Structures are given as C-alpha cells and as structure tokens.
Protein backbone atom coordinates (compact mmCIF):
# COMPACT_ATOMS: atom_id res chain seq x y z
CA MET A 1 16.96 -153.01 -167.95
CA ILE A 2 19.20 -151.33 -170.59
CA SER A 3 22.84 -151.30 -169.53
CA ARG A 4 24.75 -148.13 -170.31
CA LYS A 5 28.31 -147.97 -170.80
CA PRO A 6 30.21 -145.13 -168.70
CA ILE A 7 30.57 -141.70 -170.10
CA CYS A 8 33.97 -141.68 -171.49
CA VAL A 9 35.99 -138.23 -170.55
CA VAL A 10 39.62 -137.43 -171.79
CA LEU A 11 41.39 -134.95 -169.75
CA VAL A 12 44.24 -133.41 -171.73
CA ILE A 13 46.73 -131.37 -170.35
CA ASP A 14 50.02 -129.76 -171.35
CA ASP A 15 52.22 -132.20 -169.24
CA LEU A 16 52.32 -133.88 -165.98
CA GLU A 17 54.65 -131.75 -164.04
CA TYR A 18 54.51 -130.73 -160.47
CA GLY A 19 51.87 -128.07 -160.76
CA GLY A 20 48.21 -127.36 -159.38
CA ALA A 21 46.47 -128.06 -162.73
CA GLN A 22 48.03 -131.49 -163.16
CA ARG A 23 47.62 -132.63 -159.62
CA GLN A 24 43.61 -131.72 -160.26
CA VAL A 25 43.73 -133.68 -163.15
CA LEU A 26 44.76 -136.71 -161.18
CA GLU A 27 42.47 -136.12 -158.37
CA LEU A 28 39.56 -136.24 -160.90
CA ALA A 29 40.84 -139.00 -162.77
CA ASN A 30 41.37 -141.38 -159.39
CA ASN A 31 38.15 -140.19 -157.78
CA MET A 32 35.44 -139.83 -160.25
CA ASP A 33 32.44 -142.77 -160.05
CA PRO A 34 33.93 -145.25 -162.43
CA THR A 35 30.59 -146.98 -162.86
CA ARG A 36 29.46 -143.85 -164.52
CA PHE A 37 32.55 -142.31 -165.75
CA ASP A 38 35.76 -143.93 -167.70
CA VAL A 39 38.13 -141.08 -167.27
CA HIS A 40 41.54 -141.15 -169.44
CA VAL A 41 44.44 -138.82 -169.17
CA CYS A 42 46.27 -137.14 -172.17
CA THR A 43 49.63 -135.32 -171.86
CA LEU A 44 51.16 -133.44 -174.77
CA SER A 45 54.52 -134.04 -173.04
CA ASP A 46 56.58 -137.24 -172.35
CA TYR A 47 57.87 -135.68 -169.25
CA VAL A 48 55.30 -137.06 -166.75
CA PRO A 49 56.65 -137.25 -162.98
CA LEU A 50 53.16 -137.05 -161.52
CA GLY A 51 52.08 -139.87 -164.20
CA LYS A 52 52.76 -142.86 -161.59
CA GLN A 53 50.01 -141.38 -159.18
CA LEU A 54 47.22 -142.08 -161.87
CA THR A 55 45.66 -145.37 -161.17
CA ASP A 56 45.35 -148.04 -163.68
CA ALA A 57 48.05 -145.76 -165.55
CA ASP A 58 48.79 -148.64 -167.90
CA ARG A 59 45.38 -148.12 -169.69
CA ARG A 60 44.35 -144.74 -168.87
CA LEU A 61 47.37 -142.61 -169.46
CA HIS A 62 48.06 -141.50 -172.81
CA VAL A 63 50.95 -139.54 -174.31
CA ILE A 64 50.67 -137.59 -177.64
CA VAL A 65 53.98 -135.54 -177.59
CA LYS A 66 53.75 -131.98 -179.29
CA LYS A 67 57.29 -131.60 -180.55
CA ASN A 68 57.42 -127.88 -180.64
CA LYS A 69 54.68 -124.90 -180.39
CA LEU A 70 54.27 -125.47 -184.41
CA ASP A 71 53.69 -128.95 -184.42
CA ILE A 72 50.05 -129.07 -185.55
CA SER A 73 50.40 -132.81 -185.76
CA VAL A 74 49.33 -133.12 -182.52
CA VAL A 75 45.55 -132.53 -183.29
CA PRO A 76 44.84 -135.15 -185.74
CA ARG A 77 46.77 -137.61 -183.32
CA LEU A 78 44.48 -136.66 -180.70
CA ALA A 79 41.61 -136.83 -182.73
CA GLN A 80 42.49 -140.10 -183.37
CA LEU A 81 42.53 -140.81 -179.57
CA LEU A 82 39.35 -139.43 -179.06
CA LYS A 83 37.73 -141.56 -181.67
CA SER A 84 39.54 -144.92 -180.78
CA LEU A 85 38.04 -144.05 -177.05
CA GLU A 86 35.07 -143.26 -178.34
CA ALA A 87 34.92 -140.19 -176.25
CA ASP A 88 32.04 -138.44 -174.86
CA ILE A 89 33.72 -135.38 -173.32
CA VAL A 90 37.22 -133.90 -173.83
CA HIS A 91 38.34 -131.51 -171.18
CA SER A 92 41.37 -129.53 -171.46
CA TYR A 93 43.93 -127.73 -169.02
CA LEU A 94 46.69 -125.09 -169.92
CA PHE A 95 47.44 -123.27 -173.30
CA SER A 96 48.64 -125.94 -175.63
CA ALA A 97 45.94 -128.58 -174.55
CA ASP A 98 43.02 -126.03 -174.98
CA ILE A 99 43.56 -125.21 -178.67
CA ALA A 100 44.59 -128.97 -179.39
CA ALA A 101 41.67 -130.28 -177.72
CA ARG A 102 39.27 -127.94 -179.28
CA LEU A 103 40.30 -128.57 -182.69
CA ALA A 104 40.70 -132.35 -182.23
CA GLY A 105 37.42 -132.18 -180.44
CA ARG A 106 35.84 -130.70 -183.83
CA LEU A 107 37.71 -133.21 -185.94
CA ALA A 108 36.48 -136.07 -184.26
CA GLY A 109 33.12 -135.12 -183.48
CA THR A 110 33.25 -135.44 -179.60
CA THR A 111 29.91 -134.56 -178.17
CA LEU A 112 31.18 -131.99 -175.43
CA VAL A 113 34.45 -129.82 -175.69
CA ILE A 114 35.48 -128.06 -172.20
CA GLY A 115 38.44 -125.95 -171.74
CA SER A 116 39.58 -124.49 -168.50
CA GLU A 117 40.54 -121.31 -166.85
CA ARG A 118 43.04 -121.88 -164.06
CA ASN A 119 44.04 -118.28 -163.33
CA ALA A 120 42.78 -114.66 -163.64
CA ASN A 121 44.03 -111.25 -164.38
CA TYR A 122 47.24 -112.32 -165.78
CA VAL A 123 48.74 -110.75 -169.18
CA PRO A 124 48.14 -113.29 -171.83
CA LYS A 125 50.56 -113.70 -174.78
CA LYS A 126 49.10 -111.99 -177.83
CA ARG A 127 49.13 -115.19 -179.80
CA HIS A 128 47.13 -117.16 -177.09
CA VAL A 129 44.75 -114.47 -177.34
CA LEU A 130 44.38 -114.59 -181.01
CA ALA A 131 44.35 -118.30 -180.99
CA TYR A 132 41.56 -118.82 -178.10
CA LYS A 133 39.28 -116.20 -180.01
CA LEU A 134 40.02 -118.27 -183.07
CA THR A 135 38.85 -121.56 -181.72
CA ARG A 136 36.13 -119.89 -179.61
CA ARG A 137 33.46 -121.44 -181.48
CA CYS A 138 35.07 -125.26 -181.06
CA VAL A 139 34.63 -125.13 -177.31
CA HIS A 140 31.13 -125.64 -175.73
CA LEU A 141 31.78 -124.84 -171.89
CA THR A 142 34.62 -123.29 -170.05
CA ILE A 143 35.29 -124.40 -166.22
CA ALA A 144 36.92 -121.94 -164.19
CA ASN A 145 38.26 -122.64 -160.66
CA SER A 146 37.35 -119.19 -159.28
CA LYS A 147 34.72 -116.69 -160.05
CA THR A 148 37.46 -114.14 -160.88
CA GLY A 149 38.89 -116.52 -163.60
CA ALA A 150 35.42 -117.11 -164.95
CA GLU A 151 34.85 -113.28 -165.60
CA PHE A 152 38.60 -112.76 -166.73
CA ASN A 153 37.92 -115.44 -169.36
CA THR A 154 34.83 -113.98 -170.58
CA ARG A 155 36.51 -110.40 -170.75
CA MET A 156 39.65 -111.54 -172.42
CA PHE A 157 38.89 -114.20 -174.43
CA GLY A 158 35.37 -113.60 -175.68
CA GLN A 159 33.74 -116.91 -173.98
CA PRO A 160 30.26 -115.79 -173.32
CA ALA A 161 29.45 -115.90 -169.58
CA SER A 162 26.60 -118.40 -170.04
CA ASP A 163 29.24 -120.88 -171.28
CA CYS A 164 31.34 -120.59 -167.92
CA ARG A 165 30.84 -122.72 -164.78
CA VAL A 166 32.71 -122.23 -161.63
CA VAL A 167 34.20 -125.23 -159.85
CA TYR A 168 36.66 -124.63 -157.10
CA ASN A 169 39.75 -126.86 -156.51
CA GLY A 170 39.39 -129.82 -153.91
CA VAL A 171 41.87 -131.01 -151.67
CA ASP A 172 42.40 -134.84 -150.44
CA THR A 173 41.43 -134.42 -146.61
CA GLN A 174 42.35 -138.10 -146.06
CA ARG A 175 46.03 -137.16 -147.26
CA PHE A 176 46.20 -133.51 -146.06
CA LYS A 177 45.12 -133.46 -142.26
CA ALA A 178 46.37 -132.16 -139.13
CA GLN A 179 49.40 -134.64 -137.76
CA SER A 180 52.59 -134.65 -135.58
CA PRO A 181 55.52 -132.72 -137.08
CA ASN A 182 58.04 -134.29 -135.03
CA ALA A 183 59.20 -137.25 -137.53
CA ILE A 184 59.52 -134.89 -140.30
CA ARG A 185 60.92 -132.21 -138.40
CA THR A 186 63.84 -134.14 -137.19
CA GLU A 187 64.17 -135.54 -140.58
CA LEU A 188 64.77 -132.15 -141.88
CA GLY A 189 67.09 -131.12 -139.01
CA ILE A 190 64.60 -128.47 -137.74
CA THR A 191 64.30 -128.16 -133.82
CA GLU A 192 61.09 -128.18 -131.62
CA GLU A 193 62.17 -124.45 -130.63
CA ASP A 194 62.37 -123.42 -134.56
CA LEU A 195 59.36 -121.51 -135.97
CA VAL A 196 59.00 -122.42 -139.79
CA ILE A 197 57.44 -120.58 -142.53
CA GLY A 198 56.54 -123.02 -145.54
CA VAL A 199 56.36 -121.73 -149.20
CA PHE A 200 55.07 -124.40 -151.58
CA ALA A 201 55.39 -122.68 -154.76
CA SER A 202 57.25 -123.76 -158.11
CA PHE A 203 59.76 -121.40 -159.06
CA LYS A 204 57.94 -119.33 -161.77
CA PRO A 205 57.48 -115.62 -161.98
CA GLN A 206 53.86 -115.80 -161.00
CA LYS A 207 54.71 -117.09 -157.48
CA ASN A 208 56.58 -113.56 -156.84
CA HIS A 209 58.84 -115.17 -154.27
CA GLY A 210 60.82 -111.66 -154.07
CA MET A 211 57.81 -110.35 -151.90
CA LEU A 212 58.10 -113.09 -149.46
CA LEU A 213 61.72 -113.25 -149.44
CA ARG A 214 61.94 -109.54 -148.24
CA ALA A 215 58.97 -110.15 -145.70
CA PHE A 216 61.14 -112.93 -144.62
CA ARG A 217 64.33 -110.79 -144.01
CA GLN A 218 61.98 -108.38 -141.81
CA VAL A 219 60.70 -111.58 -139.77
CA LEU A 220 64.32 -112.66 -139.31
CA ASP A 221 65.36 -109.50 -137.83
CA ASP A 222 62.91 -109.66 -135.14
CA ILE A 223 62.51 -113.34 -134.72
CA PRO A 224 65.87 -115.00 -135.73
CA GLU A 225 64.88 -118.64 -134.68
CA THR A 226 62.76 -118.51 -137.99
CA THR A 227 63.33 -121.05 -140.68
CA LEU A 228 62.05 -120.54 -144.53
CA LEU A 229 61.14 -124.06 -145.82
CA LEU A 230 61.20 -123.75 -149.69
CA VAL A 231 59.13 -126.49 -151.71
CA GLY A 232 59.12 -126.54 -155.58
CA ASP A 233 61.50 -125.97 -158.03
CA ARG A 234 61.94 -124.77 -161.96
CA LEU A 235 59.81 -126.19 -164.44
CA THR A 236 61.64 -128.18 -166.95
CA GLY A 237 63.50 -126.62 -170.06
CA ASN A 238 63.35 -123.12 -168.77
CA MET A 239 59.48 -123.28 -169.39
CA GLY A 240 58.03 -119.82 -168.88
CA GLY A 241 61.19 -118.46 -168.17
CA THR A 242 61.47 -120.24 -164.73
CA ALA A 243 65.52 -121.07 -164.86
CA ASP A 244 66.16 -117.30 -165.39
CA TYR A 245 63.73 -116.49 -162.54
CA HIS A 246 65.34 -119.09 -160.36
CA VAL A 247 68.69 -117.40 -160.63
CA GLN A 248 67.18 -113.90 -160.12
CA MET A 249 65.62 -115.49 -156.77
CA GLU A 250 69.05 -117.04 -155.51
CA ALA A 251 70.55 -113.64 -156.08
CA LEU A 252 68.08 -112.19 -153.91
CA ILE A 253 68.61 -114.71 -151.19
CA ASP A 254 72.09 -113.99 -151.10
CA GLU A 255 71.48 -110.00 -151.21
CA LEU A 256 69.28 -110.34 -148.19
CA ASN A 257 71.54 -112.45 -146.50
CA ILE A 258 69.07 -115.13 -145.65
CA ARG A 259 70.27 -118.31 -147.31
CA HIS A 260 71.48 -119.69 -143.79
CA LYS A 261 68.03 -119.46 -142.65
CA CYS A 262 66.53 -121.40 -145.74
CA ILE A 263 65.69 -125.16 -146.55
CA PHE A 264 65.31 -126.07 -150.19
CA LEU A 265 63.45 -129.36 -150.74
CA GLY A 266 62.83 -128.86 -154.36
CA ASN A 267 59.79 -130.74 -155.97
CA ARG A 268 58.49 -133.49 -153.38
CA ASN A 269 56.01 -136.38 -153.96
CA ASP A 270 55.29 -136.35 -150.01
CA VAL A 271 54.19 -132.77 -149.64
CA GLU A 272 51.25 -134.02 -147.08
CA ARG A 273 54.14 -134.67 -144.75
CA LEU A 274 55.85 -131.43 -144.95
CA TYR A 275 52.78 -128.99 -144.22
CA PRO A 276 52.85 -130.24 -140.52
CA ALA A 277 56.48 -129.08 -140.12
CA CYS A 278 55.22 -125.48 -140.85
CA ASP A 279 53.79 -123.00 -138.29
CA ILE A 280 52.55 -120.99 -141.02
CA THR A 281 52.85 -121.27 -144.92
CA ALA A 282 52.59 -118.11 -147.06
CA LEU A 283 51.87 -117.47 -150.53
CA SER A 284 52.82 -114.36 -152.40
CA SER A 285 51.24 -114.77 -156.04
CA LEU A 286 50.86 -111.99 -158.52
CA TYR A 287 47.51 -113.99 -159.49
CA GLU A 288 46.07 -117.26 -159.06
CA GLY A 289 42.86 -119.32 -159.58
CA THR A 290 42.12 -121.30 -156.60
CA PRO A 291 45.68 -122.17 -155.10
CA ASN A 292 46.04 -125.92 -154.20
CA VAL A 293 48.65 -124.79 -151.67
CA LEU A 294 46.17 -122.99 -149.68
CA LEU A 295 43.76 -125.83 -149.50
CA GLU A 296 46.15 -128.30 -148.49
CA SER A 297 47.81 -126.05 -145.97
CA MET A 298 44.22 -125.23 -144.28
CA ALA A 299 43.39 -129.12 -144.53
CA SER A 300 46.66 -129.93 -142.82
CA GLY A 301 45.77 -127.61 -139.91
CA ILE A 302 48.21 -124.76 -140.70
CA PRO A 303 47.05 -121.20 -141.10
CA VAL A 304 48.18 -119.12 -144.27
CA VAL A 305 49.10 -115.60 -145.24
CA ALA A 306 48.55 -114.80 -148.85
CA THR A 307 48.02 -111.93 -151.22
CA ARG A 308 44.62 -110.94 -151.96
CA VAL A 309 44.22 -112.05 -155.55
CA SER A 310 41.43 -113.65 -157.55
CA ASP A 311 39.10 -115.41 -155.19
CA ASN A 312 41.79 -115.81 -152.01
CA ALA A 313 39.36 -113.50 -150.14
CA TYR A 314 36.82 -116.18 -150.38
CA ILE A 315 39.36 -119.26 -149.82
CA ILE A 316 40.66 -117.64 -146.83
CA LYS A 317 38.38 -116.51 -143.93
CA GLU A 318 40.35 -113.41 -143.02
CA GLY A 319 41.28 -113.53 -139.35
CA GLU A 320 39.78 -116.83 -138.87
CA THR A 321 42.03 -119.35 -141.28
CA GLY A 322 44.55 -116.89 -142.40
CA CYS A 323 45.44 -113.47 -143.47
CA LEU A 324 45.38 -111.39 -146.52
CA VAL A 325 47.68 -108.82 -147.85
CA GLN A 326 47.79 -106.31 -150.92
CA LEU A 327 50.00 -107.29 -153.72
CA ASP A 328 53.56 -106.38 -153.01
CA ASP A 329 52.69 -104.97 -149.45
CA VAL A 330 55.96 -106.61 -147.96
CA ASP A 331 55.59 -104.56 -144.63
CA GLY A 332 52.16 -106.10 -144.30
CA MET A 333 52.89 -109.64 -145.07
CA ALA A 334 56.04 -109.49 -142.53
CA GLY A 335 53.52 -107.87 -139.84
CA HIS A 336 51.01 -110.80 -140.38
CA LEU A 337 53.87 -113.46 -140.27
CA ARG A 338 55.29 -111.85 -137.03
CA THR A 339 52.19 -111.54 -135.27
CA LEU A 340 51.12 -115.11 -135.86
CA LEU A 341 54.68 -116.66 -135.10
CA HIS A 342 54.68 -114.69 -131.76
CA ASN A 343 51.13 -116.13 -130.99
CA ALA A 344 50.96 -119.90 -130.74
CA PRO A 345 47.53 -120.17 -129.16
CA ARG A 346 46.18 -117.84 -132.26
CA ARG A 347 47.98 -120.32 -134.87
CA ARG A 348 46.69 -123.03 -133.28
CA GLU A 349 43.18 -121.92 -133.32
CA MET A 350 43.38 -120.73 -136.69
CA GLY A 351 44.76 -124.13 -137.89
CA ARG A 352 41.80 -125.75 -136.41
CA LYS A 353 39.36 -123.39 -137.95
CA ALA A 354 41.16 -123.58 -141.42
CA GLN A 355 40.90 -127.41 -141.27
CA ALA A 356 37.13 -127.18 -140.51
CA TRP A 357 36.64 -124.78 -143.43
CA ALA A 358 38.76 -126.69 -145.86
CA ASN A 359 37.20 -130.21 -145.26
CA GLU A 360 33.39 -128.30 -145.34
CA LYS A 361 34.06 -126.17 -148.53
CA PHE A 362 36.94 -127.84 -150.24
CA SER A 363 36.79 -131.28 -150.12
CA ILE A 364 37.46 -133.46 -153.05
CA GLU A 365 34.11 -135.16 -152.98
CA ARG A 366 32.81 -131.50 -153.44
CA LEU A 367 35.13 -131.10 -156.64
CA ILE A 368 34.11 -134.38 -157.90
CA LYS A 369 30.07 -134.03 -157.66
CA ASN A 370 30.61 -130.31 -159.17
CA THR A 371 32.60 -131.38 -161.95
CA GLU A 372 30.47 -134.62 -162.59
CA ASP A 373 27.38 -132.37 -162.50
CA VAL A 374 28.73 -130.03 -165.19
CA TYR A 375 29.59 -132.75 -167.66
CA VAL A 376 26.07 -134.62 -166.99
CA GLN A 377 24.29 -131.46 -167.56
CA GLY A 378 26.52 -130.31 -170.36
CA LEU A 379 26.26 -133.32 -172.40
CA HIS A 380 22.32 -133.29 -171.61
CA GLU A 381 22.13 -129.79 -173.27
CA LYS A 382 24.35 -130.89 -176.23
CA ARG A 383 22.30 -133.65 -176.96
CA GLN A 384 18.86 -132.05 -176.53
CA PHE A 385 20.20 -129.16 -178.90
CA SER A 386 21.54 -131.70 -181.62
CA GLN A 387 18.13 -133.25 -181.29
CA THR A 388 15.99 -130.48 -181.84
CA LYS A 389 18.47 -129.29 -184.78
CA ASN A 390 17.87 -132.58 -186.51
CA ALA A 391 14.23 -132.25 -186.00
CA LYS A 392 14.17 -128.83 -187.63
CA ASP A 393 16.41 -129.75 -190.55
CA GLU A 394 14.13 -132.61 -191.28
C-alpha cells in the first residue's frame, strides 16, 4: 500500500488578537484530522496573545512580521515558508493576509490558494477593493462564513460565484456548554438577584456598542437590578480606529449615567466561564459574517438578542433561540431585552433550545468536516485541471 503524506495546509492571518477569525483559525488548526492534514498557522504580526492556544505551537506557529502597510517583503518571505513546508494549500484570513497569500501562493507555486470572506455589506477601503481585484486571478476559491458574505464578495470584488464556498463557523460544544453560574458570579461580585446582559465584542466601530448602551439605559429605567457585562477591548495600536471609538463609548456611558451598572472585563481567555454568568447576551453589530459570540452564547444555553444583519436570521431561530431587531432599532432591542428579563421561564426554555440548535448546526465537527471537504475537493479539481492542461499542451 502506498503511504501518502498528509496534505499540508498553511493558514495565514493578519494577527492572533482576540477576534472571531483568529479563534476560528485556531479551531481549524487544533481539530483537523492530523492523519490527513498537517496544518500550520502563519501570522503577519508578532502580537500573538492567542498563540498559546495552538497545540504544538513550537512547530506549527510561524511569524512573518509585516512591518508596515507597504512592506512587500512579506510576500517573498511567505513564499519561502510555503516552499519550505511544501504547502499544498494556503488559506488566508483578513485583508493583509489575503493579499500576501495570493501573491506568495502564486510565487511559491502552491497548488490551491484560498481566501476568506468574514463579513458582509460593509464599506471596504478603495485601496482594498483595488488590491482584491488586481489579485483576483491569484486565488482559486473563497470560503465565506455566511451566504450573505459570499454574495457580497462576488458583488464587491468580482470573485465568481462558482468559486465561493459557504462554511459556517463552528463552536466547541465541549468548551461552551450550560453550567452553573454561581462561582463566576461570586467572583465578579454579581448577586443571585441581579439580572445580567452580556456583551462579548471588541471595542471597534463594527460592533455598534452605542445602540446597545442606549437600549440598556431604557432597560435600566424599568429593571434597575440589571447589570451590563462587557467583555472585549480595543485592538492594539488603534487599529481600525478602535482607541478613538473606545473613547467615544466611554463618553456615551457617562452621558447615559450607566457606568455604575457596567462591569468591564476587557479581553479574557476564559470566556466559556463568563457566558453562564449572563441571563441574556446581546450583539448590536452593523455587519457580521457568522458571529462566534452568538454560537458560543447559544451553546452555553444563553438566549441572544441581535441585529438582523448578514445570516443572523438563520443563525438565530427567532422567538426560539433568541430575538432579532432591525439595525439601530434601539427601542426594539430594549423591548426584547426587557421582555426576556421579566420572564425567567421563557429565558430558560429559549436557552435549552439555543443549546440544542448550536450543537446540531454549528459544532466544531461540522466546521471541520465542511472545511476539509472544500480542501479535498478543491485540490482534486485543481490537479485534474492541471493534468488536462498538460495533456493538451503535449
């Protein structure tokens, strides 16, 4: 029997900050079948707080620092890594990694180059649109984590719809599960009588905290025993204007006079312990792909209230696992939050249904299988195409 070496996959990402794309990269790297795939992670930043979560990181984590926006040396350095690993697939996440991986994959002769679309219906920078369009022929497939994202990518960047695949994010249902809130509530100084709304989101404009803060002010007027638990922080170096945005949100918190009812936890590595401390979680994003926080909350048995953006209407079974509101409908969000906080039996029932739905549709196992299928099928099609082309050339 011929022994085949595992397919070498290099996942390239801008950084390993606390973010949804970063956590999905680690889930893939840690859970793909090692007998079939040898998965490496390459980051273009040496800021890697999540790097310690990668198993066998000494061998599998590679750092190729992009020193500034115009540092094109990252391309040949990444190409050299792909060659040295004999990579069969390079799969990139986020803008800088997407462009670098496209060019490096072409330079290294990597068989399959895959990009990602992690959001939908946002307004990209003009230079990003230009860069994507100029390098379009260097990428073979794009994996979007929502149907809306796949359609957006085709419309905005000209990627053929036939080259897009949809693979929803997955949640580790062994890590995120229903559990007693008592210990973590005691640790955080939250009493049994307190009602808690959890907000798990980095402080960046996309997350639209202002909508939620205003809704919380309305909730607090009706239910004064409510606490807002905020998990997440700014990105390093004011990336994406997050430091400026954080200042604006801090000012709004004081303007609304709600600071005394807010608990700020910043970035945490133990978020699976924090969801059970909440009665509800809320997400007020302007745009998304598949928000990991919705999956994690539901898997933890906590119902969600979120804006009706991207594929959230599929991720949340409205009225069963959570509630949806129109973008910037502050009154609507406040109304759903109040209704659920006033009705503990309904919250518990929604939480049970949310956990079952997350386990059924959004498990890590499903994410891994669907991604592996894209990889294997993509390699098969590329190799067939190359063989056919070579035969014609002869």
